[in-house]
C-alpha cells in the first residue's frame, strides 16, 4: 500500500506526494488540488514541481476570469472535431469543401494534436504545432490553423472549452506563412504581358473564347465552367457571375456574397463571345460536347497547356510554364492594377477587390498589394514637387 507524505505546505493547492513501489523504489509526484468556480474539487498530477505550480497559477487566473474548464471535462481535439464537421454538414457546405475540411483535419490536425485535450491547449503548444507543420505541410499552415480555430470556437459555443487560444496566434501565423511563401512575381507566378500577348495569338478553336474570358475577366475556373449565356450581356459588354461548378460538376452559388459580381469585358472578348454564341447550342457558355459542365483537367491539359507550348511560354525542358488557370486570374489582377501608361487599367484597390470577387479588401491587398504603383519614383516625385512649390 502506497504511503503519501505531504510537504509542510500541504494546505496549499500544490503539494508533494511520495511513495514507494512494491519493489521498494521511491517515487514522487506533485499534486494540483483546487476548487473550480462551481465549488467542485479537481486533482491533477505532475512529475515536476514547476509544472504543477505553473498549472496552479494558470488555473487561479482562469477561474478568476471565468474561463476555466477542468481537464477531465474537456474533450480532445479529435473528439471536438467530429461535432464541428457535423455542424458544417448541417449548414449544407459544398461537398468539395467538406471533403477538404475532413482531409485537413485527418492529415494535418489529428496526427499532431488529436489526442490533446482542449483545456490543455496553450498558445505555446499551438506555436509548436505550427513549427511541425512547417516541415509536414508548409502550404497548409494558414488553412489548418483556421480549421483548428473553427473547432475551438465550436467547442466554446458548446461550453466544452473556455477560450480559443488560436486567436492569439492567427495573425502571426498568417504573416509568417506569407513571408515563407513569398510575394507573387511577374514571370514566375503571374504571366508577363508579353507572354499573355503570345498566348492570345496562339489561341484557336473551342478553347479561344474560354481562355480569353479567363484572361480578361479573372474568373475562377469554377466560375468559368458554370457561366451561362444568360449571365452575359453582349450589348452592354458585361458579364455577371452568379454561380460556380465544383470538382464534381455540381452547380452552386458563389462561396461568398462578394463572389456574385458584374465584370465589364473589353471589345476583343465581346467580339469573340459574339462569334462563339452563334456556334453554341447549349445554355452553358463553355459546355462540353454533350452540353454539360466541362472538366477542369480538359481545360488545362487540352486548352491552356497546348496554347502555352504553341506560344513558346515554356520552361527550359519545354513544358508549359504555368500549370493552372489561376495564373490567368493573377494576370487579370495585375492588369487591373498596372498603370495605364504600362497598358493596365490602373484601378483602385476596392475596385480590384470587387472585380476579383474577394470577400475582403485585406485579401486583395495581402495577395496583390505589392503590385500597385508606389507613386514615389523619381519622375513622379519631381512632378509633385513642381506642382507643390509653384
Protein backbone atom coordinates (compact mmCIF):
# COMPACT_ATOMS: atom_id res chain seq x y z
CA UNK A 1 0.00 0.00 0.00
CA UNK A 2 1.40 3.38 -1.01
CA UNK A 3 2.03 5.87 1.77
CA UNK A 4 1.53 9.52 0.98
CA UNK A 5 3.85 12.02 2.64
CA UNK A 6 2.96 15.65 2.12
CA UNK A 7 5.13 18.71 2.47
CA UNK A 8 4.56 21.18 5.27
CA UNK A 9 2.62 23.38 2.90
CA UNK A 10 0.08 20.70 2.24
CA UNK A 11 -2.78 23.18 2.76
CA UNK A 12 -1.74 24.89 -0.46
CA UNK A 13 -3.16 23.80 -3.79
CA UNK A 14 0.24 22.43 -4.82
CA UNK A 15 1.60 19.61 -2.71
CA UNK A 16 4.08 16.79 -2.95
CA UNK A 17 3.19 13.12 -2.80
CA UNK A 18 5.86 10.49 -2.06
CA UNK A 19 5.54 6.71 -2.00
CA UNK A 20 7.45 3.52 -2.53
CA UNK A 21 6.65 0.84 -5.04
CA UNK A 22 6.34 -2.84 -4.17
CA UNK A 23 9.98 -3.20 -5.13
CA UNK A 24 10.98 -0.54 -2.63
CA UNK A 25 11.69 2.15 -5.24
CA UNK A 26 10.97 5.67 -4.09
CA UNK A 27 8.60 7.74 -6.24
CA UNK A 28 7.49 11.35 -6.11
CA UNK A 29 4.77 13.41 -7.79
CA UNK A 30 3.30 16.88 -7.44
CA UNK A 31 -0.41 17.40 -6.98
CA UNK A 32 -2.54 20.37 -8.01
CA UNK A 33 -5.63 20.33 -5.79
CA UNK A 34 -8.19 23.09 -6.33
CA UNK A 35 -11.88 24.03 -6.37
CA UNK A 36 -13.41 25.39 -9.56
CA UNK A 37 -15.90 28.25 -9.77
CA UNK A 38 -18.76 25.83 -9.00
CA UNK A 39 -17.01 24.53 -5.90
CA UNK A 40 -16.10 21.18 -7.46
CA UNK A 41 -12.78 19.68 -6.43
CA UNK A 42 -10.20 18.69 -9.02
CA UNK A 43 -6.88 16.89 -8.60
CA UNK A 44 -4.16 16.82 -11.25
CA UNK A 45 -0.79 15.08 -11.04
CA UNK A 46 2.53 16.33 -12.44
CA UNK A 47 6.03 14.86 -12.31
CA UNK A 48 7.74 18.25 -11.86
CA UNK A 49 7.05 20.84 -9.20
CA UNK A 50 7.50 23.69 -11.65
CA UNK A 51 4.82 22.24 -13.95
CA UNK A 52 2.41 21.87 -11.05
CA UNK A 53 3.00 25.42 -9.85
CA UNK A 54 2.59 26.79 -13.38
CA UNK A 55 -0.65 24.89 -13.79
CA UNK A 56 -1.97 26.10 -10.43
CA UNK A 57 -1.18 29.71 -11.29
CA UNK A 58 -2.96 29.41 -14.63
CA UNK A 59 -5.99 27.75 -13.04
CA UNK A 60 -6.35 30.54 -10.50
CA UNK A 61 -6.18 33.22 -13.21
CA UNK A 62 -8.64 31.37 -15.44
CA UNK A 63 -11.09 30.82 -12.60
CA UNK A 64 -10.88 34.50 -11.73
CA UNK A 65 -11.63 35.42 -15.36
CA UNK A 66 -14.38 32.84 -15.65
CA UNK A 67 -12.69 30.95 -18.49
CA UNK A 68 -11.55 27.78 -16.73
CA UNK A 69 -12.51 24.32 -17.99
CA UNK A 70 -11.30 21.30 -15.94
CA UNK A 71 -9.11 18.95 -17.96
CA UNK A 72 -11.19 15.90 -17.07
CA UNK A 73 -14.27 17.60 -18.54
CA UNK A 74 -12.55 18.71 -21.71
CA UNK A 75 -12.72 16.67 -24.95
CA UNK A 76 -9.69 16.01 -27.10
CA UNK A 77 -9.15 17.84 -30.37
CA UNK A 78 -10.23 14.68 -32.21
CA UNK A 79 -13.43 14.43 -30.16
CA UNK A 80 -14.24 18.11 -30.74
CA UNK A 81 -13.53 17.92 -34.46
CA UNK A 82 -16.35 15.49 -35.21
CA UNK A 83 -19.28 17.63 -33.99
CA UNK A 84 -17.75 20.61 -35.78
CA UNK A 85 -17.64 18.65 -39.04
CA UNK A 86 -21.23 17.55 -38.48
CA UNK A 87 -22.29 21.15 -37.95
CA UNK A 88 -20.61 22.06 -41.26
CA UNK A 89 -22.63 19.33 -42.96
CA UNK A 90 -25.84 20.68 -41.44
CA UNK A 91 -25.03 24.12 -42.84
CA UNK A 92 -25.07 22.47 -46.29
CA UNK A 93 -21.50 23.37 -47.10
CA UNK A 94 -20.50 22.14 -50.55
CA UNK A 95 -19.35 18.58 -50.97
CA UNK A 96 -15.88 19.56 -52.17
CA UNK A 97 -15.40 21.97 -49.26
CA UNK A 98 -16.47 19.30 -46.76
CA UNK A 99 -14.03 16.84 -48.31
CA UNK A 100 -11.25 19.41 -47.97
CA UNK A 101 -12.15 20.05 -44.32
CA UNK A 102 -12.08 16.35 -43.48
CA UNK A 103 -8.74 15.86 -45.22
CA UNK A 104 -7.17 18.80 -43.41
CA UNK A 105 -8.40 17.54 -40.04
CA UNK A 106 -7.38 13.93 -40.69
CA UNK A 107 -3.98 14.62 -42.26
CA UNK A 108 -2.75 17.77 -40.53
CA UNK A 109 -4.52 18.09 -37.17
CA UNK A 110 -5.21 14.69 -35.68
CA UNK A 111 -1.71 13.16 -36.16
CA UNK A 112 -0.13 16.06 -34.26
CA UNK A 113 -2.58 17.18 -31.56
CA UNK A 114 -5.61 14.92 -31.94
CA UNK A 115 -5.17 13.36 -28.50
CA UNK A 116 -4.61 16.69 -26.73
CA UNK A 117 -7.47 17.90 -24.57
CA UNK A 118 -8.81 21.33 -25.47
CA UNK A 119 -8.28 22.64 -21.94
CA UNK A 120 -4.60 21.73 -22.21
CA UNK A 121 -4.04 23.68 -25.43
CA UNK A 122 -1.98 26.81 -24.96
CA UNK A 123 -0.60 29.39 -27.35
CA UNK A 124 2.96 27.96 -26.99
CA UNK A 125 1.58 24.49 -27.82
CA UNK A 126 -0.08 25.84 -30.97
CA UNK A 127 3.18 27.63 -31.82
CA UNK A 128 5.00 24.30 -31.56
CA UNK A 129 2.30 22.68 -33.67
CA UNK A 130 2.83 25.31 -36.38
CA UNK A 131 6.57 24.62 -36.32
CA UNK A 132 5.84 20.95 -37.01
CA UNK A 133 3.54 21.90 -39.86
CA UNK A 134 6.37 23.85 -41.50
CA UNK A 135 8.03 20.51 -42.17
CA UNK A 136 4.93 18.43 -42.86
CA UNK A 137 2.65 20.77 -44.83
CA UNK A 138 4.05 24.24 -45.42
CA UNK A 139 1.34 25.37 -47.85
CA UNK A 140 -1.43 24.27 -45.49
CA UNK A 141 -0.42 26.21 -42.37
CA UNK A 142 -2.93 29.02 -42.67
CA UNK A 143 -5.83 26.75 -43.63
CA UNK A 144 -5.12 24.22 -40.91
CA UNK A 145 -4.93 26.95 -38.27
CA UNK A 146 -8.28 28.27 -39.48
CA UNK A 147 -9.75 24.76 -39.13
CA UNK A 148 -8.36 24.42 -35.61
CA UNK A 149 -9.71 27.83 -34.67
CA UNK A 150 -13.14 26.88 -36.02
CA UNK A 151 -13.11 23.66 -33.99
CA UNK A 152 -12.23 25.58 -30.82
CA UNK A 153 -14.89 28.21 -31.49
CA UNK A 154 -17.49 25.49 -31.99
CA UNK A 155 -16.39 23.79 -28.75
CA UNK A 156 -16.52 27.13 -26.95
CA UNK A 157 -20.11 27.65 -28.06
CA UNK A 158 -20.96 24.17 -26.77
CA UNK A 159 -19.39 25.00 -23.39
CA UNK A 160 -16.58 22.46 -23.80
CA UNK A 161 -13.71 24.93 -23.59
CA UNK A 162 -13.49 28.45 -22.22
CA UNK A 163 -11.24 30.15 -24.78
CA UNK A 164 -9.82 29.91 -28.28
CA UNK A 165 -6.04 30.01 -27.93
CA UNK A 166 -5.50 30.08 -31.72
CA UNK A 167 -6.79 33.65 -31.87
CA UNK A 168 -3.64 34.81 -30.12
CA UNK A 169 -1.54 33.25 -32.87
CA UNK A 170 -3.55 33.58 -36.05
CA UNK A 171 -2.19 36.89 -37.28
CA UNK A 172 1.39 35.91 -36.56
CA UNK A 173 0.99 32.56 -38.29
CA UNK A 174 -0.58 34.14 -41.35
CA UNK A 175 2.21 36.71 -41.69
CA UNK A 176 4.89 34.07 -41.24
CA UNK A 177 3.34 31.92 -43.94
CA UNK A 178 3.25 34.90 -46.29
CA UNK A 179 6.93 35.58 -45.68
CA UNK A 180 7.89 31.97 -46.37
CA UNK A 181 5.67 31.66 -49.43
CA UNK A 182 6.88 34.96 -50.84
CA UNK A 183 5.14 37.51 -53.00
CA UNK A 184 3.67 36.70 -56.38
CA UNK A 185 6.11 37.70 -59.10
CA UNK A 186 5.56 38.60 -62.72
CA UNK A 187 7.18 35.99 -64.92
CA UNK A 188 7.08 33.37 -62.15
CA UNK A 189 3.55 33.19 -60.75
CA UNK A 190 1.98 35.89 -62.90
CA UNK A 191 2.28 35.69 -66.70
CA UNK A 192 4.05 38.74 -68.08
CA UNK A 193 2.19 40.94 -70.62
CA UNK A 194 4.42 39.70 -73.46
CA UNK A 195 3.61 36.10 -72.51
CA UNK A 196 -0.13 36.83 -72.48
CA UNK A 197 0.09 38.51 -75.87
CA UNK A 198 1.87 35.43 -77.25
CA UNK A 199 -0.74 33.11 -75.73
CA UNK A 200 -3.60 35.17 -77.18
CA UNK A 201 -2.02 34.97 -80.63
CA UNK A 202 -1.77 31.19 -80.27
CA UNK A 203 -5.39 30.64 -79.18
CA UNK A 204 -7.71 28.95 -81.61
CA UNK A 205 -10.73 26.67 -81.80
CA UNK A 206 -13.05 25.95 -78.89
CA UNK A 207 -10.51 26.99 -76.26
CA UNK A 208 -10.01 30.53 -77.56
CA UNK A 209 -13.21 32.09 -76.11
CA UNK A 210 -12.77 30.29 -72.78
CA UNK A 211 -9.14 31.29 -72.24
CA UNK A 212 -9.76 34.84 -73.46
CA UNK A 213 -12.54 35.08 -70.87
CA UNK A 214 -10.16 33.84 -68.19
CA UNK A 215 -7.52 36.38 -69.24
CA UNK A 216 -9.80 39.43 -69.45
CA UNK A 217 -12.23 38.76 -66.58
CA UNK A 218 -10.14 36.92 -63.98
CA UNK A 219 -12.91 34.38 -63.36
CA UNK A 220 -12.06 31.37 -61.24
CA UNK A 221 -12.10 28.03 -63.07
CA UNK A 222 -15.26 27.05 -61.20
CA UNK A 223 -16.95 30.26 -62.36
CA UNK A 224 -15.86 29.84 -65.97
CA UNK A 225 -17.24 26.31 -66.08
CA UNK A 226 -20.63 27.43 -64.72
CA UNK A 227 -21.02 30.54 -66.90
CA UNK A 228 -24.33 30.67 -68.82
CA UNK A 229 -25.30 32.77 -71.80
CA UNK A 230 -27.95 34.40 -69.63
CA UNK A 231 -25.08 35.71 -67.49
CA UNK A 232 -23.52 37.64 -70.39
CA UNK A 233 -24.85 40.93 -71.73
CA UNK A 234 -23.05 41.38 -75.03
CA UNK A 235 -24.95 44.61 -75.76
CA UNK A 236 -23.59 46.33 -72.67
CA UNK A 237 -20.26 44.46 -72.71
CA UNK A 238 -20.56 42.98 -69.24
CA UNK A 239 -20.57 39.60 -67.59
CA UNK A 240 -22.36 38.50 -64.40
CA UNK A 241 -21.03 35.86 -62.02
CA UNK A 242 -23.97 34.12 -60.37
CA UNK A 243 -22.94 30.50 -59.90
CA UNK A 244 -19.99 28.11 -59.86
CA UNK A 245 -19.32 24.42 -60.59
CA UNK A 246 -17.36 22.29 -58.12
CA UNK A 247 -14.99 19.44 -58.96
CA UNK A 248 -17.96 17.08 -59.12
CA UNK A 249 -19.59 19.40 -61.69
CA UNK A 250 -22.33 20.30 -59.21
CA UNK A 251 -23.70 23.82 -59.61
CA UNK A 252 -23.99 26.15 -56.65
CA UNK A 253 -23.88 29.78 -55.64
CA UNK A 254 -20.52 31.53 -55.20
CA UNK A 255 -18.90 30.85 -51.83
CA UNK A 256 -19.48 34.41 -50.62
CA UNK A 257 -21.74 37.34 -51.39
CA UNK A 258 -18.75 39.12 -52.94
CA UNK A 259 -18.46 36.28 -55.45
CA UNK A 260 -21.65 37.47 -57.15
CA UNK A 261 -20.43 40.37 -59.24
CA UNK A 262 -20.54 42.18 -62.57
CA UNK A 263 -17.39 42.47 -64.70
CA UNK A 264 -17.01 44.67 -67.81
CA UNK A 265 -15.49 42.94 -70.80
CA UNK A 266 -13.18 44.51 -73.44
CA UNK A 267 -14.06 44.58 -77.17
CA UNK A 268 -11.78 41.68 -78.14
CA UNK A 269 -13.61 39.41 -75.71
CA UNK A 270 -17.06 40.73 -76.58
CA UNK A 271 -16.48 40.10 -80.29
CA UNK A 272 -15.09 36.63 -79.63
CA UNK A 273 -18.08 35.71 -77.47
CA UNK A 274 -20.49 37.00 -80.14
CA UNK A 275 -18.93 34.62 -82.67
CA UNK A 276 -18.94 31.81 -80.11
CA UNK A 277 -22.63 32.46 -79.35
CA UNK A 278 -23.59 31.87 -82.97
CA UNK A 279 -21.97 28.42 -82.90
CA UNK A 280 -23.21 27.46 -79.44
CA UNK A 281 -26.23 25.22 -78.93
CA UNK A 282 -26.09 24.96 -75.15
CA UNK A 283 -27.08 27.03 -72.14
CA UNK A 284 -23.55 26.89 -70.72
CA UNK A 285 -21.10 29.17 -72.50
CA UNK A 286 -18.22 26.71 -72.25
CA UNK A 287 -20.06 23.39 -72.17
CA UNK A 288 -18.52 20.11 -73.23
CA UNK A 289 -19.70 18.27 -76.33
CA UNK A 290 -22.78 16.99 -74.52
CA UNK A 291 -23.78 20.36 -73.17
CA UNK A 292 -22.63 19.58 -69.63
CA UNK A 293 -20.04 21.22 -67.40
CA UNK A 294 -16.57 20.98 -68.93
CA UNK A 295 -13.97 19.06 -66.94
CA UNK A 296 -11.29 21.23 -65.36
CA UNK A 297 -8.50 18.87 -66.42
CA UNK A 298 -9.62 19.08 -70.06
CA UNK A 299 -9.44 22.87 -69.99
CA UNK A 300 -5.91 22.81 -68.60
CA UNK A 301 -4.45 19.83 -70.46
CA UNK A 302 -6.16 20.30 -73.82
CA UNK A 303 -6.52 24.06 -73.85
CA UNK A 304 -4.20 26.07 -71.64
CA UNK A 305 -1.08 23.91 -71.78
CA UNK A 306 -1.04 23.43 -75.58
CA UNK A 307 -1.61 27.18 -76.03
CA UNK A 308 1.45 27.95 -73.92
CA UNK A 309 3.59 25.47 -75.82
CA UNK A 310 2.48 26.91 -79.15
CA UNK A 311 3.19 30.43 -77.86
CA UNK A 312 6.63 29.46 -76.59
CA UNK A 313 5.69 30.16 -72.96
CA UNK A 314 7.54 27.16 -71.62
CA UNK A 315 10.15 26.06 -69.10
CA UNK A 316 13.70 25.06 -70.02
CA UNK A 317 12.59 21.48 -70.61
CA UNK A 318 9.78 22.58 -72.94
CA UNK A 319 6.89 22.10 -70.53
CA UNK A 320 4.11 24.69 -70.04
CA UNK A 321 5.42 27.44 -67.77
CA UNK A 322 2.15 27.96 -65.88
CA UNK A 323 0.45 24.84 -64.63
CA UNK A 324 -3.02 26.06 -63.66
CA UNK A 325 -5.69 28.50 -64.79
CA UNK A 326 -5.21 30.56 -61.64
CA UNK A 327 -2.16 32.09 -63.31
CA UNK A 328 -4.56 33.84 -65.71
CA UNK A 329 -6.53 35.16 -62.74
CA UNK A 330 -3.28 36.52 -61.33
CA UNK A 331 -2.59 38.22 -64.66
CA UNK A 332 -6.04 39.82 -64.70
CA UNK A 333 -5.42 41.20 -61.22
CA UNK A 334 -2.07 42.65 -62.31
CA UNK A 335 -3.70 44.12 -65.45
CA UNK A 336 -6.32 45.84 -63.29
CA UNK A 337 -3.56 47.26 -61.06
CA UNK A 338 -0.91 48.32 -63.60
CA UNK A 339 -0.57 51.92 -64.75
CA UNK A 340 -2.42 52.99 -67.89
CA UNK A 341 0.94 54.07 -69.27
CA UNK A 342 2.05 50.43 -68.96
CA UNK A 343 -1.10 49.05 -70.62
CA UNK A 344 -3.02 48.45 -67.41
CA UNK A 345 -6.35 49.72 -66.10
CA UNK A 346 -4.92 51.47 -63.00
CA UNK A 347 -7.94 50.67 -60.86
CA UNK A 348 -8.25 51.47 -57.13
CA UNK A 349 -7.80 48.62 -54.66
CA UNK A 350 -11.51 48.49 -53.77
CA UNK A 351 -12.48 48.13 -57.43
CA UNK A 352 -9.91 45.36 -57.92
CA UNK A 353 -11.40 43.55 -54.93
CA UNK A 354 -14.88 43.77 -56.49
CA UNK A 355 -13.65 42.58 -59.89
CA UNK A 356 -11.93 39.54 -58.33
CA UNK A 357 -14.84 38.72 -56.03
CA UNK A 358 -12.72 38.70 -52.88
CA UNK A 359 -14.66 38.57 -49.63
CA UNK A 360 -12.47 41.26 -48.04
CA UNK A 361 -10.22 44.04 -49.22
CA UNK A 362 -7.45 42.69 -46.99
CA UNK A 363 -7.39 39.51 -49.09
CA UNK A 364 -6.78 41.58 -52.21
CA UNK A 365 -4.19 43.75 -50.50
CA UNK A 366 -2.32 40.80 -49.00
CA UNK A 367 -2.17 38.99 -52.35
CA UNK A 368 -1.64 41.82 -54.82
CA UNK A 369 -0.85 44.95 -52.79
CA UNK A 370 2.83 44.86 -53.76
CA UNK A 371 1.89 45.21 -57.43
CA UNK A 372 0.31 48.65 -57.01
CA UNK A 373 2.47 51.54 -58.27
CA UNK A 374 4.31 53.15 -55.39
CA UNK A 375 3.82 56.63 -56.74
CA UNK A 376 7.15 57.76 -55.31
CA UNK A 377 9.57 57.20 -58.17
CA UNK A 378 11.87 59.99 -59.32
CA UNK A 379 9.71 61.32 -62.15
CA UNK A 380 6.51 61.45 -60.10
CA UNK A 381 8.30 62.97 -57.12
CA UNK A 382 9.73 65.69 -59.31
CA UNK A 383 6.31 66.42 -60.82
CA UNK A 384 4.70 66.55 -57.38
CA UNK A 385 7.43 68.88 -56.15
CA UNK A 386 6.89 71.29 -59.03
CA UNK A 387 3.12 71.28 -58.52
CA UNK A 388 3.51 71.89 -54.79
CA UNK A 389 6.06 74.69 -54.98
CA UNK A 390 4.56 76.53 -57.95
